[in-house]
Protein backbone atom coordinates (compact mmCIF):
# COMPACT_ATOMS: atom_id res chain seq x y z
CA UNK A 1 0.13 -0.13 -0.36
CA UNK A 2 1.60 3.10 -0.64
CA UNK A 3 1.74 5.72 1.94
CA UNK A 4 -0.96 8.06 3.04
CA UNK A 5 -1.24 11.69 1.37
CA UNK A 6 0.73 14.54 3.54
CA UNK A 7 -2.15 16.23 5.19
CA UNK A 8 -1.02 19.93 4.98
CA UNK A 9 -2.48 22.31 2.62
CA UNK A 10 -3.09 25.85 2.04
CA UNK A 11 -6.42 27.59 2.96
CA UNK A 12 -7.02 30.60 0.80
CA UNK A 13 -9.53 32.96 2.95
CA UNK A 14 -12.82 34.42 0.94
CA UNK A 15 -16.44 34.61 1.96
CA UNK A 16 -18.25 31.77 1.72
CA UNK A 17 -22.67 31.59 0.45
CA UNK A 18 -24.54 28.47 -0.39
CA UNK A 19 -26.52 28.50 -2.97
CA UNK A 20 -28.64 25.35 -3.16
CA UNK A 21 -26.49 22.68 -3.50
CA UNK A 22 -23.33 24.23 -3.13
CA UNK A 23 -21.44 26.48 -1.41
CA UNK A 24 -18.38 28.47 -2.45
CA UNK A 25 -15.81 30.22 -1.24
CA UNK A 26 -13.92 32.36 -3.52
CA UNK A 27 -10.32 30.94 -4.38
CA UNK A 28 -10.43 28.32 -2.42
CA UNK A 29 -10.59 24.35 -3.56
CA UNK A 30 -13.78 23.41 -5.30
CA UNK A 31 -15.05 19.97 -4.29
CA UNK A 32 -17.39 18.01 -5.85
CA UNK A 33 -19.40 14.96 -3.44
CA UNK A 34 -20.84 12.24 -5.33
CA UNK A 35 -23.29 9.66 -3.89
CA UNK A 36 -26.40 8.18 -3.79
CA UNK A 37 -29.73 8.71 -1.91
CA UNK A 38 -30.60 4.85 -2.98
CA UNK A 39 -28.76 4.43 0.48
CA UNK A 40 -29.17 6.97 3.69
CA UNK A 41 -26.17 6.08 4.57
CA UNK A 42 -24.15 6.93 1.41
CA UNK A 43 -25.50 10.42 1.36
CA UNK A 44 -25.22 10.64 5.55
CA UNK A 45 -21.35 9.89 4.66
CA UNK A 46 -21.20 12.68 1.85
CA UNK A 47 -22.73 14.90 3.93
CA UNK A 48 -20.32 14.08 6.71
CA UNK A 49 -18.14 15.10 4.93
CA UNK A 50 -19.16 18.30 3.13
CA UNK A 51 -19.76 19.76 7.09
CA UNK A 52 -15.65 18.87 7.21
CA UNK A 53 -15.02 20.64 4.15
CA UNK A 54 -16.78 23.48 4.34
CA UNK A 55 -15.19 23.83 8.29
CA UNK A 56 -12.49 24.46 5.41
CA UNK A 57 -13.59 27.02 3.53
CA UNK A 58 -13.15 24.62 0.92
CA UNK A 59 -16.03 25.22 -2.28
CA UNK A 60 -18.12 22.54 -2.39
CA UNK A 61 -21.09 21.33 -4.33
CA UNK A 62 -23.40 17.79 -3.51
CA UNK A 63 -24.64 15.82 -6.70
CA UNK A 64 -26.81 12.53 -6.28
CA UNK A 65 -26.68 10.14 -8.85
CA UNK A 66 -30.39 10.10 -8.92
CA UNK A 67 -30.98 13.22 -10.09
CA UNK A 68 -29.07 12.49 -12.94
CA UNK A 69 -32.22 10.65 -13.70
CA UNK A 70 -35.37 11.35 -15.10
CA UNK A 71 -37.59 11.53 -11.27
CA UNK A 72 -40.24 8.81 -12.44
CA UNK A 73 -37.48 6.40 -13.77
CA UNK A 74 -35.91 7.28 -10.52
CA UNK A 75 -38.71 6.59 -8.73
CA UNK A 76 -39.24 2.63 -10.41
CA UNK A 77 -35.50 2.04 -9.59
CA UNK A 78 -35.77 2.79 -6.31
CA UNK A 79 -38.83 1.21 -5.37
CA UNK A 80 -37.78 -2.35 -7.43
CA UNK A 81 -33.78 -2.21 -5.29
CA UNK A 82 -36.26 -2.05 -2.32
CA UNK A 83 -38.30 -4.92 -3.37
CA UNK A 84 -34.84 -7.18 -4.79
CA UNK A 85 -33.30 -6.28 -1.00
CA UNK A 86 -36.69 -7.62 0.73
CA UNK A 87 -38.44 -9.84 -0.72
CA UNK A 88 -35.61 -11.43 -2.90
CA UNK A 89 -32.60 -11.12 -0.49
CA UNK A 90 -30.67 -14.01 -1.59
CA UNK A 91 -30.93 -13.08 -5.12
CA UNK A 92 -29.99 -9.57 -4.13
CA UNK A 93 -27.16 -11.40 -3.05
CA UNK A 94 -25.89 -12.92 -5.71
CA UNK A 95 -26.41 -9.54 -8.17
CA UNK A 96 -23.98 -7.79 -5.17
CA UNK A 97 -21.20 -10.76 -5.22
CA UNK A 98 -20.97 -9.98 -9.51
CA UNK A 99 -17.52 -9.00 -9.89
CA UNK A 100 -15.89 -5.93 -11.42
CA UNK A 101 -15.45 -7.90 -14.30
CA UNK A 102 -18.87 -9.34 -14.96
CA UNK A 103 -19.95 -5.57 -14.65
CA UNK A 104 -17.49 -4.48 -17.28
CA UNK A 105 -19.44 -7.28 -19.50
CA UNK A 106 -22.19 -5.98 -19.07
CA UNK A 107 -22.24 -2.19 -19.61
CA UNK A 108 -18.54 -2.79 -21.99
CA UNK A 109 -18.73 -6.26 -23.84
CA UNK A 110 -20.06 -7.30 -27.13
CA UNK A 111 -20.60 -10.77 -25.61
CA UNK A 112 -23.20 -9.98 -23.29
CA UNK A 113 -23.68 -11.68 -19.47
CA UNK A 114 -23.42 -14.95 -18.29
CA UNK A 115 -26.61 -16.80 -18.25
CA UNK A 116 -26.77 -16.83 -14.39
CA UNK A 117 -26.29 -12.77 -14.87
CA UNK A 118 -29.75 -13.00 -16.99
CA UNK A 119 -31.64 -14.83 -14.95
CA UNK A 120 -31.18 -12.49 -11.74
CA UNK A 121 -32.22 -9.44 -14.36
CA UNK A 122 -34.83 -10.88 -15.73
CA UNK A 123 -36.32 -11.82 -12.67
CA UNK A 124 -35.31 -7.50 -11.75
CA UNK A 125 -37.41 -6.43 -15.22
CA UNK A 126 -40.14 -8.98 -13.74
CA UNK A 127 -40.53 -6.68 -10.62
CA UNK A 128 -39.32 -2.85 -12.09
CA UNK A 129 -43.37 -3.65 -14.23
CA UNK A 130 -45.11 -4.54 -11.66
CA UNK A 131 -43.97 -0.71 -9.80
CA UNK A 132 -45.79 2.01 -10.28
CA UNK A 133 -43.76 5.73 -10.22
CA UNK A 134 -44.39 7.94 -7.54
CA UNK A 135 -43.91 10.80 -9.69
CA UNK A 136 -43.27 11.88 -13.51
CA UNK A 137 -41.38 15.09 -13.81
CA UNK A 138 -40.66 16.49 -17.21
CA UNK A 139 -36.23 16.25 -16.73
CA UNK A 140 -35.01 13.71 -18.69
CA UNK A 141 -38.38 12.28 -19.85
CA UNK A 142 -37.45 9.83 -22.58
CA UNK A 143 -35.97 8.19 -19.26
CA UNK A 144 -38.71 6.58 -18.81
CA UNK A 145 -39.43 5.20 -22.41
CA UNK A 146 -36.08 3.37 -21.84
CA UNK A 147 -36.58 1.88 -18.43
CA UNK A 148 -40.35 0.60 -19.84
CA UNK A 149 -38.34 -1.10 -23.00
CA UNK A 150 -35.62 -2.62 -21.20
CA UNK A 151 -38.78 -4.60 -18.57
CA UNK A 152 -40.75 -4.89 -21.45
CA UNK A 153 -38.51 -6.62 -23.89
CA UNK A 154 -39.44 -10.08 -24.71
CA UNK A 155 -38.11 -12.81 -21.77
CA UNK A 156 -34.36 -13.98 -22.12
CA UNK A 157 -33.34 -17.20 -23.76
CA UNK A 158 -31.00 -18.44 -21.18
CA UNK A 159 -29.82 -21.08 -24.06
CA UNK A 160 -28.69 -18.04 -26.49
CA UNK A 161 -28.07 -14.70 -26.29
CA UNK A 162 -29.11 -14.44 -29.80
CA UNK A 163 -32.72 -12.92 -29.95
CA UNK A 164 -35.58 -13.09 -27.88
CA UNK A 165 -34.91 -9.38 -26.59
CA UNK A 166 -31.25 -10.44 -25.01
CA UNK A 167 -29.58 -8.16 -26.94
CA UNK A 168 -32.00 -5.51 -27.07
CA UNK A 169 -32.02 -5.22 -23.23
CA UNK A 170 -28.16 -5.19 -22.98
CA UNK A 171 -28.02 -2.04 -25.90
CA UNK A 172 -30.73 -0.35 -23.48
CA UNK A 173 -28.50 -0.96 -20.71
CA UNK A 174 -25.53 0.21 -21.79
CA UNK A 175 -26.92 3.33 -23.84
CA UNK A 176 -28.62 3.44 -20.45
CA UNK A 177 -25.21 3.94 -18.55
CA UNK A 178 -23.62 6.32 -21.52
CA UNK A 179 -26.38 8.67 -21.16
CA UNK A 180 -25.13 8.95 -17.44
CA UNK A 181 -21.97 9.02 -18.26
CA UNK A 182 -22.56 12.15 -19.91
CA UNK A 183 -24.83 13.88 -17.93
CA UNK A 184 -22.11 13.46 -15.14
CA UNK A 185 -19.56 15.21 -17.90
CA UNK A 186 -21.84 18.19 -18.62
CA UNK A 187 -21.85 18.63 -14.33
CA UNK A 188 -18.30 18.54 -13.64
CA UNK A 189 -17.33 20.17 -16.91
CA UNK A 190 -19.52 23.32 -15.93
CA UNK A 191 -18.86 23.00 -12.27
CA UNK A 192 -14.70 22.62 -12.95
CA UNK A 193 -13.63 20.47 -9.35
CA UNK A 194 -10.32 20.33 -8.66
CA UNK A 195 -11.14 17.00 -7.13
CA UNK A 196 -13.88 15.06 -7.14
CA UNK A 197 -15.06 12.55 -3.68
CA UNK A 198 -17.19 9.85 -3.99
CA UNK A 199 -19.36 7.94 -0.79
CA UNK A 200 -20.74 5.49 -3.38
CA UNK A 201 -19.28 3.20 -5.95
CA UNK A 202 -21.45 3.86 -8.58
CA UNK A 203 -20.55 7.19 -9.46
CA UNK A 204 -16.99 6.75 -8.66
CA UNK A 205 -17.15 4.19 -11.48
CA UNK A 206 -18.86 6.72 -13.70
CA UNK A 207 -16.16 9.24 -13.26
CA UNK A 208 -13.68 6.88 -13.76
CA UNK A 209 -14.58 5.46 -17.19
CA UNK A 210 -14.87 8.96 -18.57
CA UNK A 211 -10.93 9.92 -16.81
CA UNK A 212 -10.55 6.36 -18.91
CA UNK A 213 -11.88 8.01 -22.29
CA UNK A 214 -9.66 11.12 -21.82
CA UNK A 215 -12.94 12.49 -21.12
CA UNK A 216 -12.01 14.03 -17.69
CA UNK A 217 -8.80 15.12 -15.67
CA UNK A 218 -10.00 15.44 -12.14
CA UNK A 219 -8.14 13.48 -9.66
CA UNK A 220 -11.13 10.81 -8.15
CA UNK A 221 -11.22 9.91 -4.12
CA UNK A 222 -13.31 7.11 -3.08
CA UNK A 223 -14.79 6.51 0.57
CA UNK A 224 -15.78 3.30 1.28
CA UNK A 225 -18.93 3.72 4.06
CA UNK A 226 -19.08 0.12 4.68
CA UNK A 227 -16.24 -2.66 6.54
CA UNK A 228 -15.34 -4.43 3.44
CA UNK A 229 -14.61 -3.63 -0.48
CA UNK A 230 -16.90 -4.44 -3.21
CA UNK A 231 -15.34 -5.72 -6.52
CA UNK A 232 -16.95 -2.69 -8.57
CA UNK A 233 -15.00 0.02 -6.09
CA UNK A 234 -12.08 -1.46 -7.41
CA UNK A 235 -11.85 1.39 -10.88
CA UNK A 236 -8.24 2.09 -12.16
CA UNK A 237 -9.78 6.21 -12.07
CA UNK A 238 -9.60 6.06 -8.05
CA UNK A 239 -5.92 8.04 -7.08
CA UNK A 240 -7.46 7.75 -3.61
CA UNK A 241 -9.08 5.23 -0.86
CA UNK A 242 -10.74 6.16 2.39
CA UNK A 243 -11.30 3.31 4.20
CA UNK A 244 -13.38 2.64 7.03
CA UNK A 245 -10.68 0.36 9.14
CA UNK A 246 -7.32 -0.89 8.21
CA UNK A 247 -8.72 -4.54 7.73
CA UNK A 248 -10.28 -3.67 4.72
CA UNK A 249 -7.12 -3.38 2.59
CA UNK A 250 -5.02 -6.13 4.08
CA UNK A 251 -8.20 -8.63 3.82
CA UNK A 252 -8.53 -7.68 0.02
CA UNK A 253 -5.98 -8.36 -2.94
CA UNK A 254 -4.84 -5.50 -4.74
CA UNK A 255 -5.04 -5.90 -8.87
CA UNK A 256 -4.87 -3.10 -11.50
CA UNK A 257 -4.80 0.02 -9.28
CA UNK A 258 -2.35 1.65 -8.02
CA UNK A 259 -3.96 3.85 -5.80
CA UNK A 260 -2.92 4.44 -2.26
CA UNK A 261 -5.61 3.91 1.13
CA UNK A 262 -5.77 5.70 4.12
CA UNK A 263 -7.96 4.39 7.18
CA UNK A 264 -9.69 7.23 7.76
CA UNK A 265 -12.73 5.58 9.32
CA UNK A 266 -16.56 6.00 8.00
CA UNK A 267 -17.38 9.45 7.73
CA UNK A 268 -19.70 10.84 10.54
CA UNK A 269 -21.46 13.93 11.37
CA UNK A 270 -19.13 16.75 13.51
CA UNK A 271 -20.96 15.66 17.04
CA UNK A 272 -19.87 12.27 17.18
CA UNK A 273 -16.10 13.52 17.19
CA UNK A 274 -16.95 14.05 20.69
CA UNK A 275 -19.97 12.06 22.01
CA UNK A 276 -21.50 13.16 25.71
CA UNK A 277 -21.50 10.91 28.31
CA UNK A 278 -23.59 8.26 29.34
CA UNK A 279 -25.25 10.03 32.11
CA UNK A 280 -25.46 13.64 30.04
CA UNK A 281 -27.16 11.72 27.22
CA UNK A 282 -29.86 10.26 29.80
CA UNK A 283 -30.33 13.84 30.86
CA UNK A 284 -30.75 15.61 27.73
CA UNK A 285 -33.60 12.69 26.82
CA UNK A 286 -34.88 12.48 30.28
CA UNK A 287 -34.46 9.10 31.01
CA UNK A 288 -33.75 7.25 33.77
CA UNK A 289 -29.97 7.82 34.73
CA UNK A 290 -29.67 4.00 35.95
CA UNK A 291 -31.82 1.87 34.06
CA UNK A 292 -31.05 -0.27 31.46
CA UNK A 293 -32.30 0.54 28.28
CA UNK A 294 -32.02 -1.17 24.40
CA UNK A 295 -31.83 1.85 21.29
CA UNK A 296 -33.55 0.11 18.35
CA UNK A 297 -32.55 1.20 15.57
CA UNK A 298 -34.17 0.21 11.72
CA UNK A 299 -32.08 2.32 9.45
CA UNK A 300 -33.92 4.83 6.47
CA UNK A 301 -36.29 2.36 5.93
CA UNK A 302 -37.40 1.04 9.69
CA UNK A 303 -36.61 -2.32 8.73
CA UNK A 304 -38.04 -5.10 11.22
CA UNK A 305 -38.27 -2.37 14.68
CA UNK A 306 -42.27 -3.27 15.69
CA UNK A 307 -41.08 -7.22 15.50
CA UNK A 308 -37.99 -6.92 17.15
CA UNK A 309 -39.60 -4.06 19.82
CA UNK A 310 -42.45 -7.20 20.56
CA UNK A 311 -39.91 -9.80 20.85
CA UNK A 312 -38.12 -8.03 23.59
CA UNK A 313 -41.21 -6.48 25.60
CA UNK A 314 -41.88 -10.44 26.06
CA UNK A 315 -39.40 -10.66 28.39
CA UNK A 316 -40.62 -9.86 32.00
CA UNK A 317 -37.74 -7.51 32.32
CA UNK A 318 -37.17 -3.87 33.95
CA UNK A 319 -34.99 -2.92 30.72
CA UNK A 320 -36.51 -0.03 28.41
CA UNK A 321 -36.72 0.25 24.75
CA UNK A 322 -36.60 3.18 22.69
CA UNK A 323 -37.36 2.50 19.11
CA UNK A 324 -36.92 4.27 16.25
CA UNK A 325 -38.51 3.53 13.06
CA UNK A 326 -37.49 5.28 10.66
CA UNK A 327 -39.32 6.03 7.36
CA UNK A 328 -41.55 2.55 8.29
CA UNK A 329 -44.70 4.10 8.10
CA UNK A 330 -46.54 0.46 9.27
CA UNK A 331 -43.87 0.61 11.83
CA UNK A 332 -44.82 3.71 13.26
CA UNK A 333 -48.70 3.13 13.42
CA UNK A 334 -48.25 -0.27 14.94
CA UNK A 335 -45.69 0.99 18.02
CA UNK A 336 -47.76 4.61 18.12
CA UNK A 337 -50.68 2.05 19.10
CA UNK A 338 -48.98 0.48 21.61
CA UNK A 339 -47.58 3.41 22.66
CA UNK A 340 -51.45 5.09 22.76
CA UNK A 341 -52.72 1.44 24.70
CA UNK A 342 -50.28 2.33 27.60
CA UNK A 343 -51.29 6.37 27.87
CA UNK A 344 -55.31 4.97 28.94
CA UNK A 345 -53.76 2.43 31.84
CA UNK A 346 -52.70 2.60 35.22
CA UNK A 347 -49.11 2.57 35.97
CA UNK A 348 -50.07 -0.72 37.54
CA UNK A 349 -51.74 -1.88 34.59
CA UNK A 350 -48.90 -0.98 32.00
CA UNK A 351 -46.55 -3.89 32.74
CA UNK A 352 -44.84 -3.86 29.63
CA UNK A 353 -45.82 -1.79 27.05
CA UNK A 354 -45.06 1.82 29.82
CA UNK A 355 -41.00 0.08 28.93
CA UNK A 356 -40.88 1.18 24.85
CA UNK A 357 -40.61 5.20 23.73
CA UNK A 358 -40.70 5.45 20.20
CA UNK A 359 -39.36 8.71 18.36
CA UNK A 360 -38.63 9.47 15.05
CA UNK A 361 -35.03 10.03 13.53
CA UNK A 362 -33.42 13.09 14.45
CA UNK A 363 -29.71 14.74 13.97
CA UNK A 364 -28.29 14.17 17.07
CA UNK A 365 -28.46 10.04 16.92
CA UNK A 366 -25.21 10.21 18.89
CA UNK A 367 -26.94 11.82 22.49
CA UNK A 368 -29.53 8.49 21.58
CA UNK A 369 -26.46 5.92 20.99
CA UNK A 370 -24.65 7.22 24.38
CA UNK A 371 -27.88 7.18 26.22
CA UNK A 372 -28.86 2.79 25.12
CA UNK A 373 -26.26 0.23 26.90
CA UNK A 374 -26.66 -1.94 23.59
CA UNK A 375 -28.40 -1.25 20.34
CA UNK A 376 -29.76 -3.84 18.43
CA UNK A 377 -30.11 -2.88 14.84
CA UNK A 378 -30.25 -3.33 10.72
CA UNK A 379 -26.45 -3.03 10.00
CA UNK A 380 -25.32 -0.87 7.40
CA UNK A 381 -21.91 0.76 7.62
CA UNK A 382 -22.58 4.47 8.57
CA UNK A 383 -25.11 3.16 11.30
CA UNK A 384 -22.18 0.46 12.79
CA UNK A 385 -19.69 3.25 12.60
CA UNK A 386 -22.28 5.70 14.47
CA UNK A 387 -22.68 2.95 17.36
CA UNK A 388 -19.03 2.06 17.46
CA UNK A 389 -18.17 5.73 17.82
CA UNK A 390 -19.78 6.00 20.88
CA UNK A 391 -19.18 2.49 22.63
CA UNK A 392 -22.03 0.50 21.64
CA UNK A 393 -22.26 -2.75 20.98
CA UNK A 394 -24.88 -3.44 17.50
CA UNK A 395 -26.72 -6.81 17.67
CA UNK A 396 -29.28 -7.54 14.19
CA UNK A 397 -31.77 -9.73 13.83
CA UNK A 398 -31.56 -9.54 10.14
CA UNK A 399 -28.92 -8.88 7.38
CA UNK A 400 -29.76 -7.62 3.70
CA UNK A 401 -26.21 -9.43 2.69
CA UNK A 402 -23.98 -7.62 -0.07
CA UNK A 403 -22.34 -4.79 1.86
CA UNK A 404 -24.29 -5.83 5.36
CA UNK A 405 -22.64 -9.17 5.28
CA UNK A 406 -18.89 -7.01 5.99
CA UNK A 407 -20.03 -5.20 8.91
CA UNK A 408 -21.76 -8.21 10.62
CA UNK A 409 -18.23 -9.92 9.81
CA UNK A 410 -16.26 -7.25 11.44
CA UNK A 411 -18.47 -6.93 14.29
CA UNK A 412 -18.16 -10.51 15.24
CA UNK A 413 -14.54 -10.44 14.42
CA UNK A 414 -13.90 -8.05 17.18
CA UNK A 415 -16.70 -9.33 19.28
CA UNK A 416 -18.56 -6.03 19.51
CA UNK A 417 -22.03 -7.37 17.86
CA UNK A 418 -23.02 -9.60 15.75
CA UNK A 419 -26.38 -11.23 13.69
CA UNK A 420 -28.81 -12.75 16.68
CA UNK A 421 -31.40 -15.44 15.12
CA UNK A 422 -34.56 -13.74 15.16
CA UNK A 423 -35.66 -15.83 18.26
CA UNK A 424 -32.48 -15.92 20.38
CA UNK A 425 -32.14 -11.47 19.77
CA UNK A 426 -34.44 -11.55 23.66
CA UNK A 427 -32.02 -14.57 25.60
CA UNK A 428 -29.54 -12.64 24.03
CA UNK A 429 -29.75 -8.86 24.39
CA UNK A 430 -31.24 -9.83 28.30
CA UNK A 431 -27.87 -11.72 29.20
CA UNK A 432 -24.80 -9.32 28.07
CA UNK A 433 -27.24 -6.78 30.20
CA UNK A 434 -26.81 -9.49 33.33
CA UNK A 435 -23.65 -8.98 33.25
CA UNK A 436 -22.14 -5.23 34.08
CA UNK A 437 -18.56 -6.41 33.76
CA UNK A 438 -18.70 -8.62 30.15
CA UNK A 439 -20.93 -4.98 28.86
CA UNK A 440 -18.45 -2.47 30.06
CA UNK A 441 -15.45 -5.08 28.39
CA UNK A 442 -17.75 -4.79 25.15
CA UNK A 443 -18.46 -1.67 25.37
CA UNK A 444 -14.81 -0.66 26.09
CA UNK A 445 -13.42 -2.21 22.71
CA UNK A 446 -16.37 -0.74 20.95
CA UNK A 447 -14.85 2.41 21.67
CA UNK A 448 -11.38 1.80 20.96
CA UNK A 449 -12.72 0.29 17.71
CA UNK A 450 -14.59 3.46 17.21
CA UNK A 451 -13.27 6.39 14.92
CA UNK A 452 -14.88 9.52 15.95
CA UNK A 453 -12.55 12.08 12.85
CA UNK A 454 -12.63 10.45 9.76
CA UNK A 455 -14.84 13.24 7.64
CA UNK A 456 -11.83 15.19 8.88
CA UNK A 457 -9.16 13.35 8.02
CA UNK A 458 -11.29 12.76 5.16
CA UNK A 459 -11.72 16.31 3.99
CA UNK A 460 -7.70 17.01 4.61
CA UNK A 461 -6.54 14.41 2.06
CA UNK A 462 -9.23 15.69 -0.68
CA UNK A 463 -7.55 19.01 -0.40
CA UNK A 464 -4.66 17.69 0.25
CA UNK A 465 -4.94 15.76 -3.37
CA UNK A 466 -6.95 19.51 -4.97
CA UNK A 467 -4.12 21.46 -4.29
CA UNK A 468 -1.79 18.95 -5.77
CA UNK A 469 -3.42 18.74 -9.07
CA UNK A 470 -3.90 22.31 -9.60
CA UNK A 471 -2.61 24.56 -12.05
CA UNK A 472 0.87 25.67 -10.40
CA UNK A 473 0.39 29.54 -11.46
CA UNK A 474 -3.38 28.97 -9.38
CA UNK A 475 -1.20 27.34 -6.19
CA UNK A 476 1.44 30.22 -6.26
CA UNK A 477 -1.37 32.47 -6.45
């Protein structure tokens, strides 16, 4: 591995002003942040890097990959993805495990993908065909037609790549990829960044392809938000990688890429740099300072939080639950009903239901995590990083596979959490809470493992990379 880039850089004076998703400081380096709203963690990581860059008076523009697509078409893709990960987890795992060479074969080769990939794409097309767009939108209106053609073309013939819609679908996929690439190229040329930072692998791949074709000459930094490296991140156009933990680099063989890598940690919002004490967190949330508290998180989708809460409440215990259902309206309704029923009972009648509180998502997630003893939740990369930064173990009852598989294995390898079978969660949590010394040891391991300054480190590296690639006349101005 190459040594880390120097963290020395020069800041130029200037006033900042915000308009849209861009912040400018006259004369300072220009940074384009690329992310993908398909997963909230990627956006959250980009926002953390943005906050750190603004503290250094950089010019910043953030761009969501899906803004390059018609809103209606993007809505169908989003809904298809959600159905895929929730209803067809094995299929999603197969799709995620496709390596870079297979994706390149799909998008660039004339030969077409292997038969197994055709089966996966066929089912995805069937899911998309039964999905209704939430919005139409006039921008990039032809995207809706292309998407419709993709999933209404004749079914695949698994015995041959010739005919039966296979060639047509491959052509549509490649054409769509090129259209996204050209749209992104136009935005990059108009903004003229000194460095591009991507918190998701697809926009990084688009930029890398443009660089390989000589269309762009801007340094590119990849920021990994999970505790493992998907093969598609291996892009020859990436100049530097920021990884969640040093084991991500040592456990992953390097091939054609000559890029350096720095173990920065996942970028987190500023509040995670110095989390408050547990006693202070509980004071701010008006919680019992000596009680046992479990925080239940379901990520942005709020997956399974109501079922997890119900399971934990079945146990006769004094443990209190704080539940955050995210955007899961059904889970929120079920949990709110439980809380409402409790409000109509006397304290003696309330029993198990009196142990639960439901909260909306908050910018100060650090306070809730620090207030808890244990966290139960979806093992997304940013969630894992936030929990570890606050010195708490994380247990999951389900993993969507793919990138979450990396994160679960990381937790288990360092004994700061695990993937627990659904029926064993309550016993697992209660056993841990009943052993204060063992819990304290686990919390200490989590705290030591946590990284709290990743965003600041990434912003330093990005500005250093930008400064190194600026024309000498500009640098010496």
